Amino acid sequence: MKASERHQDTGSVALPGRAVTRENAAGWQRWRLTRHEFTPAPRLSLAAYRRLSPQRRMVHDLHRAATHANLVIQETPMSAAVSRVMWSRIQNNALKRTPATRAGLMINGGGYQGKTETACEVAAAFEDQWLMLHDQLNPHATPGTRDMMATVAYVQTPVTATPKSICQAILDFYGADHPKRMTLPQLVHAVRTSLFDHCTKILLLDDVTRLKMHREADQDALDLVRSLMSMHVTLVLIGVGIPDSGLLSEGRHSRRGGQWIFPHHRATSPHDEAATQTERRFDLVDLDPFRYDTPAGIAAWADHLAGIEAQLRLFQARPGMLTDGAMPEYLFRRTGGIVGLLERLVEDGCARAIETGTECLTGGLFDDIEIDLGNVASRDPRAGEIPEVPPRRATATSLPAGKGKSRNTVFDDAGSPAAPVQEPTGTSRR
């Protein structure tokens, strides 16, 4: 029996295991250690696929579906720029020995643009390196005890966010108790204690713009941000429309340093250290979608499509399936250059191609697919976390040629559509 066939004796390679959440310490560690472990379906020719038994065909189709649902997140020029800034900031802060307040980072961008995954991947890579340097041990552990080390704390801002609920969410990450009777200063002090006890170097606060700044607790919210910055961790705030959210309302932008500077204000916790008397600084970086109005932008988009195409497991897929002819322009119009919308469209397109037996992605197939983001319970439309989806337009083969310098003539060959796959008699497709 060939290795590829033995690989398909069970569907366990494709079926998801226990649900992984990054919002508690154990879940974050499980995600960090397994984030690159998924094995995509083996590449089989159509002839080899037809030689499989019906059961193995079913398992292989399931594995192909899992492959398309777990496409490797590719680095884009925009995410690479954010990663460089974030890596430099967290590394420099982690190596500081002075009690000064650590500068923070704000990652701004629209929904489905990869902000969270970019930040989590950088933080996880840093934690891999940091733990290796410390032999997987907490250097601040109390002698005779085994304190849990949590280099990174990932916290998603509650949909109805208040300073107290954010503190409670941070404490929940560590599994720390927080009785309802605790006041905000007590909660902040408990957060400070947990961050120090677990040797946390990076605090990721996702969807931070859920913290509305027009409410009565505006000052408490700003004080919370200031207090978190004084806890000797790199505070990374992730959100949609941060400049317009009010989080920067009391800050001033330094043209020289390119940073947002927050003056000292009243302390939220009586336990703030001397470092709280210094000004707080944030870098604000944007993670933008792809653009299609310059040769460089078009080339970057085509490279991204080529990277996706290389991961697909369709029997009639041809070279240039997503990058030839008018397809790049069509996919850009359907998604607005937003990587999350592109991933959704390709994933649904692959499922349709397998279901119908066409086994190839075409403009006509994509035309029948609506990108529907209305059922994502974890996203808050009021905070701008669900982007506006561009309407469906003409098929890729019927799009008019572009004008001006933005048109890349390498895409002028439309190619020919693939013929449907004819299943052998007596065989059904999942």
Protein backbone atom coordinates (compact mmCIF):
# COMPACT_ATOMS: atom_id res chain seq x y z
CA MET A 1 0.00 0.00 0.00
CA LYS A 2 1.35 3.42 -0.96
CA ALA A 3 2.08 6.03 1.71
CA SER A 4 -0.54 8.39 0.28
CA GLU A 5 -3.15 5.64 0.56
CA ARG A 6 -2.14 4.68 4.10
CA HIS A 7 -2.42 8.37 4.93
CA GLN A 8 -6.13 8.18 4.06
CA ASP A 9 -7.11 5.06 5.99
CA THR A 10 -8.76 7.34 8.54
CA GLY A 11 -10.39 10.73 8.36
CA SER A 12 -8.57 11.90 11.49
CA VAL A 13 -6.07 13.84 9.38
CA ALA A 14 -8.88 16.11 8.19
CA LEU A 15 -11.34 16.25 11.06
CA PRO A 16 -10.79 19.09 13.53
CA GLY A 17 -9.75 18.20 17.04
CA ARG A 18 -10.73 19.95 20.21
CA ALA A 19 -11.74 23.55 19.63
CA VAL A 20 -8.83 25.90 20.30
CA THR A 21 -9.42 29.27 21.91
CA ARG A 22 -6.65 31.80 22.44
CA GLU A 23 -8.52 33.63 25.19
CA ASN A 24 -7.09 31.63 28.09
CA ALA A 25 -3.52 30.67 28.92
CA ALA A 26 -3.92 26.94 28.21
CA GLY A 27 -5.71 27.61 24.91
CA TRP A 28 -3.09 30.12 23.77
CA GLN A 29 -0.29 27.64 24.46
CA ARG A 30 -2.15 24.88 22.62
CA TRP A 31 -2.65 27.18 19.62
CA ARG A 32 0.97 28.37 19.68
CA LEU A 33 2.38 24.87 19.72
CA THR A 34 0.07 23.49 17.02
CA ARG A 35 -0.46 26.49 14.76
CA HIS A 36 1.67 25.09 11.92
CA GLU A 37 0.85 21.40 12.33
CA PHE A 38 -2.00 20.96 9.84
CA THR A 39 -1.09 18.60 7.03
CA PRO A 40 -2.80 19.42 3.71
CA ALA A 41 -4.27 16.70 1.54
CA PRO A 42 -1.76 14.86 -0.66
CA ARG A 43 -1.78 15.76 -4.33
CA LEU A 44 -3.38 13.00 -6.35
CA SER A 45 -4.00 12.82 -10.07
CA LEU A 46 -7.57 12.24 -11.18
CA ALA A 47 -6.56 8.75 -12.35
CA ALA A 48 -5.09 7.90 -8.94
CA TYR A 49 -8.20 9.29 -7.24
CA ARG A 50 -10.46 7.08 -9.36
CA ARG A 51 -8.49 4.01 -8.36
CA LEU A 52 -9.31 4.60 -4.69
CA SER A 53 -12.11 2.74 -2.98
CA PRO A 54 -15.34 4.73 -2.38
CA GLN A 55 -14.45 5.11 1.30
CA ARG A 56 -10.99 6.46 0.54
CA ARG A 57 -12.43 8.85 -2.00
CA MET A 58 -14.76 10.18 0.65
CA VAL A 59 -11.85 10.62 3.09
CA HIS A 60 -9.71 12.31 0.46
CA ASP A 61 -12.54 14.71 -0.45
CA LEU A 62 -12.94 15.49 3.25
CA HIS A 63 -9.22 16.14 3.54
CA ARG A 64 -9.32 18.40 0.48
CA ALA A 65 -12.18 20.38 2.01
CA ALA A 66 -10.19 20.73 5.24
CA THR A 67 -7.19 21.92 3.22
CA HIS A 68 -9.25 24.64 1.57
CA ALA A 69 -10.74 25.63 4.93
CA ASN A 70 -7.27 25.94 6.48
CA LEU A 71 -5.29 27.79 3.82
CA VAL A 72 -1.92 28.96 5.08
CA ILE A 73 -2.06 32.64 5.96
CA GLN A 74 0.38 34.34 3.63
CA GLU A 75 2.45 37.36 4.49
CA THR A 76 1.51 40.42 2.46
CA PRO A 77 3.60 43.57 1.98
CA MET A 78 1.23 45.32 4.40
CA SER A 79 1.35 42.65 7.11
CA ALA A 80 5.13 42.40 6.74
CA ALA A 81 5.45 46.10 7.53
CA VAL A 82 3.27 45.70 10.64
CA SER A 83 5.23 42.62 11.71
CA ARG A 84 8.55 44.48 11.51
CA VAL A 85 7.31 47.32 13.70
CA MET A 86 5.70 44.95 16.22
CA TRP A 87 8.72 42.64 16.47
CA SER A 88 11.08 45.56 17.03
CA ARG A 89 8.82 47.07 19.67
CA ILE A 90 8.23 43.91 21.73
CA GLN A 91 11.88 42.83 21.55
CA ASN A 92 13.20 46.20 22.67
CA ASN A 93 10.67 46.43 25.49
CA ALA A 94 11.37 42.88 26.70
CA LEU A 95 15.08 43.66 26.97
CA LYS A 96 14.64 46.89 28.94
CA ARG A 97 15.82 46.77 32.57
CA THR A 98 14.73 50.25 33.62
CA PRO A 99 11.38 50.93 35.35
CA ALA A 100 10.31 53.32 32.59
CA THR A 101 6.93 52.84 30.93
CA ARG A 102 7.12 50.62 27.85
CA ALA A 103 5.92 52.17 24.62
CA GLY A 104 2.86 50.51 23.13
CA LEU A 105 1.55 49.72 19.67
CA MET A 106 -1.81 50.24 17.99
CA ILE A 107 -2.66 48.13 14.92
CA ASN A 108 -5.42 49.79 12.92
CA GLY A 109 -7.30 48.53 9.90
CA GLY A 110 -10.64 47.38 8.54
CA GLY A 111 -12.38 44.13 9.33
CA TYR A 112 -11.12 40.86 7.78
CA GLN A 113 -7.73 42.37 6.89
CA GLY A 114 -5.66 40.01 9.04
CA LYS A 115 -4.79 42.29 11.95
CA THR A 116 -5.41 39.68 14.65
CA GLU A 117 -3.64 36.84 12.88
CA THR A 118 -0.64 39.03 12.06
CA ALA A 119 -0.30 40.21 15.67
CA CYS A 120 -0.83 36.73 17.12
CA GLU A 121 1.73 35.16 14.79
CA VAL A 122 4.38 37.75 15.69
CA ALA A 123 3.64 37.35 19.40
CA ALA A 124 3.76 33.55 19.16
CA ALA A 125 7.07 33.63 17.26
CA PHE A 126 8.52 35.93 19.92
CA GLU A 127 7.29 33.61 22.66
CA ASP A 128 8.89 30.62 20.92
CA GLN A 129 12.21 32.45 21.00
CA TRP A 130 11.80 33.86 24.52
CA LEU A 131 10.96 30.47 26.05
CA MET A 132 13.91 28.89 24.30
CA LEU A 133 16.23 31.52 25.79
CA HIS A 134 14.85 30.75 29.28
CA ASP A 135 14.80 26.95 28.90
CA GLN A 136 10.97 27.01 29.07
CA LEU A 137 11.12 28.23 32.72
CA ASN A 138 9.76 31.34 34.42
CA PRO A 139 12.85 33.34 35.51
CA HIS A 140 10.74 35.16 38.13
CA ALA A 141 9.29 32.05 39.74
CA THR A 142 9.23 31.94 43.54
CA PRO A 143 11.71 29.32 44.87
CA GLY A 144 9.95 26.09 45.76
CA THR A 145 6.97 26.78 43.48
CA ARG A 146 6.12 26.23 39.81
CA ASP A 147 4.57 29.47 38.61
CA MET A 148 2.92 29.29 35.20
CA MET A 149 4.78 31.29 32.57
CA ALA A 150 2.58 33.16 30.08
CA THR A 151 4.80 35.31 27.89
CA VAL A 152 1.79 36.44 25.86
CA ALA A 153 -1.73 37.24 27.06
CA TYR A 154 -4.36 37.49 24.32
CA VAL A 155 -7.63 39.13 25.34
CA GLN A 156 -10.62 39.92 23.16
CA THR A 157 -12.51 42.99 24.27
CA PRO A 158 -16.08 42.09 25.33
CA VAL A 159 -18.77 43.26 22.91
CA THR A 160 -20.25 45.48 25.63
CA ALA A 161 -16.92 46.78 26.83
CA THR A 162 -16.17 48.73 29.99
CA PRO A 163 -12.88 49.19 31.85
CA LYS A 164 -14.05 46.69 34.48
CA SER A 165 -15.08 44.07 31.92
CA ILE A 166 -11.71 44.35 30.17
CA CYS A 167 -9.89 43.81 33.47
CA GLN A 168 -12.13 40.81 34.13
CA ALA A 169 -11.34 39.41 30.68
CA ILE A 170 -7.59 39.75 31.35
CA LEU A 171 -7.96 37.95 34.68
CA ASP A 172 -10.03 35.24 32.98
CA PHE A 173 -7.08 34.60 30.66
CA TYR A 174 -5.04 33.54 33.68
CA GLY A 175 -7.93 31.83 35.46
CA ALA A 176 -7.69 34.36 38.30
CA ASP A 177 -10.64 35.05 40.58
CA HIS A 178 -12.39 38.43 40.38
CA PRO A 179 -15.44 38.71 42.66
CA LYS A 180 -18.17 41.04 41.38
CA ARG A 181 -17.70 43.33 44.37
CA MET A 182 -14.18 44.31 43.23
CA THR A 183 -13.78 47.96 42.33
CA LEU A 184 -11.93 49.12 39.21
CA PRO A 185 -8.73 50.04 41.16
CA GLN A 186 -8.81 46.59 42.77
CA LEU A 187 -9.26 44.93 39.38
CA VAL A 188 -6.37 46.93 37.90
CA HIS A 189 -4.18 45.88 40.82
CA ALA A 190 -5.18 42.23 40.29
CA VAL A 191 -4.31 42.54 36.59
CA ARG A 192 -0.91 44.01 37.47
CA THR A 193 -0.24 41.12 39.86
CA SER A 194 -1.20 38.48 37.29
CA LEU A 195 0.96 40.05 34.58
CA PHE A 196 3.98 40.10 36.88
CA ASP A 197 3.47 36.67 38.45
CA HIS A 198 3.21 35.00 35.05
CA CYS A 199 6.13 36.94 33.53
CA THR A 200 3.94 38.33 30.74
CA LYS A 201 5.81 40.45 28.21
CA ILE A 202 3.06 41.09 25.62
CA LEU A 203 -0.59 41.97 26.24
CA LEU A 204 -2.70 41.78 23.09
CA LEU A 205 -6.02 43.58 23.47
CA ASP A 206 -8.14 42.76 20.41
CA ASP A 207 -11.19 44.65 19.11
CA VAL A 208 -10.30 47.53 21.41
CA THR A 209 -12.60 49.96 19.58
CA ARG A 210 -15.54 48.18 21.22
CA LEU A 211 -14.57 50.36 24.17
CA LYS A 212 -16.79 53.31 23.31
CA MET A 213 -15.47 56.71 24.29
CA HIS A 214 -18.74 58.66 24.32
CA ARG A 215 -19.96 57.03 27.51
CA GLU A 216 -19.74 58.30 31.08
CA ALA A 217 -16.74 56.06 31.76
CA ASP A 218 -14.58 57.72 29.09
CA GLN A 219 -11.98 58.90 31.59
CA ASP A 220 -11.90 55.51 33.27
CA ALA A 221 -11.23 53.93 29.88
CA LEU A 222 -8.34 56.26 29.14
CA ASP A 223 -6.97 55.73 32.65
CA LEU A 224 -7.13 51.97 32.11
CA VAL A 225 -5.06 52.25 28.92
CA ARG A 226 -2.51 54.39 30.73
CA SER A 227 -2.36 52.02 33.66
CA LEU A 228 -1.85 48.98 31.44
CA MET A 229 1.09 50.71 29.77
CA SER A 230 2.82 51.13 33.13
CA MET A 231 2.83 47.38 33.85
CA HIS A 232 6.13 46.69 32.08
CA VAL A 233 4.51 44.80 29.22
CA THR A 234 4.18 45.72 25.57
CA LEU A 235 0.56 46.70 25.16
CA VAL A 236 -0.71 45.99 21.64
CA LEU A 237 -4.16 47.41 20.89
CA ILE A 238 -5.90 46.00 17.81
CA GLY A 239 -8.99 47.60 16.35
CA VAL A 240 -10.99 49.01 13.47
CA GLY A 241 -10.88 52.76 12.99
CA ILE A 242 -8.74 53.54 16.03
CA PRO A 243 -7.99 57.17 15.03
CA ASP A 244 -11.74 57.90 14.89
CA SER A 245 -12.72 55.90 17.97
CA GLY A 246 -11.80 58.46 20.61
CA LEU A 247 -9.02 56.37 22.14
CA LEU A 248 -6.55 59.00 20.98
CA SER A 249 -8.70 61.95 22.07
CA GLU A 250 -6.34 63.11 24.81
CA GLY A 251 -3.16 62.27 22.96
CA ARG A 252 -1.06 64.37 20.65
CA HIS A 253 0.77 63.15 17.58
CA SER A 254 4.51 63.72 17.52
CA ARG A 255 5.63 64.50 13.99
CA ARG A 256 9.26 63.92 14.93
CA GLY A 257 8.77 60.44 16.37
CA GLY A 258 5.61 59.50 14.50
CA GLN A 259 4.05 58.44 17.82
CA TRP A 260 0.93 59.26 19.78
CA ILE A 261 1.85 60.68 23.19
CA PHE A 262 -0.47 60.58 26.19
CA PRO A 263 0.24 62.95 29.10
CA HIS A 264 0.11 61.66 32.65
CA HIS A 265 -3.31 61.88 34.27
CA ARG A 266 -4.82 60.71 37.54
CA ALA A 267 -3.83 57.18 38.48
CA THR A 268 -6.44 54.45 38.30
CA SER A 269 -4.68 52.29 40.88
CA PRO A 270 -3.00 53.46 44.10
CA HIS A 271 -0.27 50.94 43.35
CA ASP A 272 1.02 52.61 40.18
CA GLU A 273 4.78 52.89 40.25
CA ALA A 274 6.94 55.91 39.64
CA ALA A 275 6.95 55.01 35.97
CA THR A 276 3.37 56.22 35.74
CA GLN A 277 4.61 59.80 35.99
CA THR A 278 6.12 59.57 32.51
CA GLU A 279 4.33 60.19 29.25
CA ARG A 280 2.93 57.16 27.46
CA ARG A 281 3.70 56.56 23.82
CA PHE A 282 2.02 54.49 21.13
CA ASP A 283 3.04 53.76 17.58
CA LEU A 284 0.00 53.60 15.29
CA VAL A 285 0.43 51.30 12.30
CA ASP A 286 -2.15 50.57 9.62
CA LEU A 287 -2.79 47.22 8.00
CA ASP A 288 -4.42 48.14 4.71
CA PRO A 289 -5.99 45.98 2.00
CA PHE A 290 -4.33 45.34 -1.34
CA ARG A 291 -4.48 48.06 -3.98
CA TYR A 292 -4.95 47.61 -7.71
CA ASP A 293 -4.01 51.04 -9.06
CA THR A 294 -0.25 50.70 -9.56
CA PRO A 295 1.97 48.10 -11.25
CA ALA A 296 3.51 47.24 -7.85
CA GLY A 297 0.08 46.81 -6.27
CA ILE A 298 -1.15 44.62 -9.13
CA ALA A 299 2.00 42.48 -8.96
CA ALA A 300 1.64 42.02 -5.18
CA TRP A 301 -2.00 40.98 -5.62
CA ALA A 302 -1.04 38.49 -8.34
CA ASP A 303 1.70 37.03 -6.12
CA HIS A 304 -0.85 36.58 -3.33
CA LEU A 305 -3.27 34.83 -5.67
CA ALA A 306 -0.46 32.57 -6.90
CA GLY A 307 0.29 31.60 -3.30
CA ILE A 308 -3.34 30.64 -2.74
CA GLU A 309 -3.52 28.77 -6.03
CA ALA A 310 -0.52 26.63 -5.05
CA GLN A 311 -2.40 25.38 -1.98
CA LEU A 312 -5.57 24.23 -3.76
CA ARG A 313 -6.40 20.58 -4.33
CA LEU A 314 -8.68 20.60 -7.38
CA PHE A 315 -8.21 17.90 -10.04
CA GLN A 316 -8.79 20.24 -13.00
CA ALA A 317 -6.84 23.16 -11.59
CA ARG A 318 -4.51 24.64 -14.17
CA PRO A 319 -1.49 26.91 -13.79
CA GLY A 320 -2.69 30.49 -13.74
CA MET A 321 -6.21 29.55 -12.67
CA LEU A 322 -6.36 32.60 -10.39
CA THR A 323 -3.68 34.77 -12.01
CA ASP A 324 -4.31 34.65 -15.77
CA GLY A 325 -6.54 36.84 -17.89
CA ALA A 326 -9.04 39.07 -16.14
CA MET A 327 -9.29 36.84 -13.06
CA PRO A 328 -7.03 38.99 -10.79
CA GLU A 329 -9.05 42.09 -11.59
CA TYR A 330 -12.31 40.21 -11.10
CA LEU A 331 -11.24 38.82 -7.72
CA PHE A 332 -10.11 42.27 -6.64
CA ARG A 333 -13.49 43.76 -7.56
CA ARG A 334 -15.29 40.98 -5.68
CA THR A 335 -13.23 41.42 -2.51
CA GLY A 336 -11.89 44.97 -2.54
CA GLY A 337 -8.40 43.54 -1.95
CA ILE A 338 -9.39 42.36 1.56
CA VAL A 339 -7.61 39.10 2.31
CA GLY A 340 -10.35 37.72 4.55
CA LEU A 341 -13.03 38.20 1.87
CA LEU A 342 -10.75 36.59 -0.72
CA GLU A 343 -10.21 33.60 1.55
CA ARG A 344 -13.97 33.22 2.06
CA LEU A 345 -14.68 33.44 -1.69
CA VAL A 346 -11.98 30.91 -2.61
CA GLU A 347 -13.00 28.52 0.16
CA ASP A 348 -16.64 28.58 -0.95
CA GLY A 349 -15.58 28.35 -4.58
CA CYS A 350 -13.52 25.23 -3.94
CA ALA A 351 -16.44 23.62 -2.10
CA ARG A 352 -18.72 24.39 -5.07
CA ALA A 353 -16.14 23.09 -7.57
CA ILE A 354 -15.86 19.78 -5.71
CA GLU A 355 -19.61 19.47 -5.25
CA THR A 356 -20.42 20.09 -8.91
CA GLY A 357 -17.51 18.06 -10.24
CA THR A 358 -16.05 20.98 -12.24
CA GLU A 359 -12.89 20.79 -10.08
CA CYS A 360 -11.73 24.21 -11.26
CA LEU A 361 -12.30 27.82 -10.24
CA THR A 362 -13.76 30.09 -12.93
CA GLY A 363 -15.40 33.46 -13.08
CA GLY A 364 -18.74 31.82 -13.84
CA LEU A 365 -18.47 29.64 -10.76
CA PHE A 366 -17.56 32.62 -8.56
CA ASP A 367 -20.51 34.58 -9.95
CA ASP A 368 -22.89 32.12 -8.31
CA ILE A 369 -21.33 32.62 -4.86
CA GLU A 370 -22.42 35.37 -2.52
CA ILE A 371 -20.00 36.44 0.22
CA ASP A 372 -22.22 36.52 3.29
CA LEU A 373 -20.69 37.76 6.54
CA GLY A 374 -23.93 38.23 8.42
CA ASN A 375 -23.62 35.06 10.47
CA VAL A 376 -20.31 35.73 12.22
CA ALA A 377 -21.34 35.84 15.87
CA SER A 378 -17.87 36.83 17.13
CA ARG A 379 -17.84 40.07 15.11
CA ASP A 380 -19.49 43.31 16.14
CA PRO A 381 -20.86 45.20 13.10
CA ARG A 382 -21.31 48.34 15.23
CA ALA A 383 -17.55 48.49 15.78
CA GLY A 384 -16.80 48.19 12.06
CA GLU A 385 -15.55 44.61 12.39
CA ILE A 386 -17.57 43.39 9.40
CA PRO A 387 -16.53 45.16 6.18
CA GLU A 388 -18.86 46.16 3.40
CA VAL A 389 -18.80 43.37 0.82
CA PRO A 390 -18.50 44.57 -2.80
CA PRO A 391 -21.45 43.52 -4.97
CA ARG A 392 -21.14 40.68 -7.43
CA ARG A 393 -20.16 41.92 -10.90
CA ALA A 394 -19.58 40.50 -14.37
CA THR A 395 -17.67 37.26 -14.84
CA ALA A 396 -13.90 37.32 -15.11
CA THR A 397 -13.91 36.60 -18.85
CA SER A 398 -16.25 39.49 -19.64
CA LEU A 399 -14.60 42.29 -17.69
CA PRO A 400 -13.49 45.27 -19.78
CA ALA A 401 -9.80 45.97 -20.12
CA GLY A 402 -8.37 48.45 -17.64
CA LYS A 403 -7.12 51.88 -18.59
CA GLY A 404 -3.95 53.74 -17.93
CA LYS A 405 -0.85 52.53 -16.16
CA SER A 406 -2.75 50.44 -13.63
CA ARG A 407 -3.38 47.76 -16.26
CA ASN A 408 -0.86 44.88 -16.26
CA THR A 409 -0.84 43.28 -19.72
CA VAL A 410 0.52 39.99 -18.40
CA PHE A 411 -3.07 39.18 -17.43
CA ASP A 412 -4.49 39.47 -20.97
CA ASP A 413 -4.72 35.74 -21.74
CA ALA A 414 -8.11 34.61 -20.44
CA GLY A 415 -7.36 30.91 -20.89
CA SER A 416 -10.01 28.25 -21.42
CA PRO A 417 -12.43 26.84 -18.84
CA ALA A 418 -11.83 23.32 -17.60
CA ALA A 419 -14.19 20.50 -18.54
CA PRO A 420 -16.29 18.96 -15.77
CA VAL A 421 -14.98 15.82 -14.11
CA GLN A 422 -17.04 12.78 -15.07
CA GLU A 423 -17.46 10.43 -12.16
CA PRO A 424 -17.29 6.68 -12.82
CA THR A 425 -20.63 4.91 -12.86
CA GLY A 426 -21.87 3.83 -9.47
CA THR A 427 -19.77 6.38 -7.53
CA SER A 428 -21.17 9.34 -5.64
CA ARG A 429 -19.35 12.45 -4.54
CA ARG A 430 -19.59 13.74 -1.01
